[in-house]
């Protein structure tokens, strides 16, 4: 998938999102890193609410 942005621009955006606590790196690798959006996963991991 191509988003038509420079690699350095993408890395700066990811770094900013990490610093703001929005993304977290989950692989522990130096290359081919994967990230997850913490708040979204927290919502998805909650048990369903019944009314």
C-alpha atoms as a PDB file:
ATOM      1  CA  UNK A   1       0.000   0.000   0.000  1.00  0.00           C
ATOM      2  CA  UNK A   2       1.435   3.336  -0.975  1.00  0.00           C
ATOM      3  CA  UNK A   3       0.470   6.533   0.798  1.00  0.00           C
ATOM      4  CA  UNK A   4       2.677   8.741  -1.386  1.00  0.00           C
ATOM      5  CA  UNK A   5       4.750  10.161   1.503  1.00  0.00           C
ATOM      6  CA  UNK A   6       8.484  10.165   1.986  1.00  0.00           C
ATOM      7  CA  UNK A   7       9.835   7.515   4.338  1.00  0.00           C
ATOM      8  CA  UNK A   8      11.380  10.157   6.587  1.00  0.00           C
ATOM      9  CA  UNK A   9       8.007  11.911   6.875  1.00  0.00           C
ATOM     10  CA  UNK A  10       6.305   8.658   7.857  1.00  0.00           C
ATOM     11  CA  UNK A  11       8.980   7.931  10.473  1.00  0.00           C
ATOM     12  CA  UNK A  12       8.567  11.407  11.989  1.00  0.00           C
ATOM     13  CA  UNK A  13       4.798  10.920  12.201  1.00  0.00           C
ATOM     14  CA  UNK A  14       5.204   7.515  13.859  1.00  0.00           C
ATOM     15  CA  UNK A  15       7.735   8.907  16.325  1.00  0.00           C
ATOM     16  CA  UNK A  16       5.391  11.765  17.231  1.00  0.00           C
ATOM     17  CA  UNK A  17       2.493   9.337  17.751  1.00  0.00           C
ATOM     18  CA  UNK A  18       4.711   7.157  19.971  1.00  0.00           C
ATOM     19  CA  UNK A  19       5.812  10.161  22.032  1.00  0.00           C
ATOM     20  CA  UNK A  20       2.169  11.180  22.503  1.00  0.00           C
ATOM     21  CA  UNK A  21       1.314   7.670  23.714  1.00  0.00           C
ATOM     22  CA  UNK A  22      -1.030   6.953  20.815  1.00  0.00           C
ATOM     23  CA  UNK A  23       1.069   4.221  19.207  1.00  0.00           C
ATOM     24  CA  UNK A  24       3.269   1.612  20.801  1.00  0.00           C
ATOM     25  CA  UNK A  25       5.854  -0.557  19.080  1.00  0.00           C
ATOM     26  CA  UNK A  26       5.064  -4.215  19.735  1.00  0.00           C
ATOM     27  CA  UNK A  27       7.775  -6.273  18.018  1.00  0.00           C
ATOM     28  CA  UNK A  28      10.914  -5.137  19.827  1.00  0.00           C
ATOM     29  CA  UNK A  29      12.763  -5.331  16.520  1.00  0.00           C
ATOM     30  CA  UNK A  30      15.169  -2.868  14.996  1.00  0.00           C
ATOM     31  CA  UNK A  31      13.626  -3.342  11.559  1.00  0.00           C
ATOM     32  CA  UNK A  32      10.188  -4.300  10.280  1.00  0.00           C
ATOM     33  CA  UNK A  33       8.570  -2.869  13.376  1.00  0.00           C
ATOM     34  CA  UNK A  34       4.869  -3.199  14.026  1.00  0.00           C
ATOM     35  CA  UNK A  35       2.791  -0.734  15.974  1.00  0.00           C
ATOM     36  CA  UNK A  36      -0.601  -0.758  17.599  1.00  0.00           C
ATOM     37  CA  UNK A  37      -2.945   2.021  18.580  1.00  0.00           C
ATOM     38  CA  UNK A  38      -3.182   1.536  22.347  1.00  0.00           C
ATOM     39  CA  UNK A  39      -6.608   3.072  22.945  1.00  0.00           C
ATOM     40  CA  UNK A  40      -8.246   1.121  20.139  1.00  0.00           C
ATOM     41  CA  UNK A  41      -6.884  -2.173  21.459  1.00  0.00           C
ATOM     42  CA  UNK A  42      -7.974  -1.273  24.993  1.00  0.00           C
ATOM     43  CA  UNK A  43     -11.524  -0.757  23.709  1.00  0.00           C
ATOM     44  CA  UNK A  44     -11.471  -3.992  21.713  1.00  0.00           C
ATOM     45  CA  UNK A  45     -10.165  -5.991  24.678  1.00  0.00           C
ATOM     46  CA  UNK A  46     -12.985  -4.894  27.001  1.00  0.00           C
ATOM     47  CA  UNK A  47     -15.737  -7.429  27.652  1.00  0.00           C
ATOM     48  CA  UNK A  48     -18.993  -6.617  25.872  1.00  0.00           C
ATOM     49  CA  UNK A  49     -21.452  -4.569  27.854  1.00  0.00           C
ATOM     50  CA  UNK A  50     -24.957  -5.866  28.221  1.00  0.00           C
ATOM     51  CA  UNK A  51     -27.889  -3.635  28.959  1.00  0.00           C
END
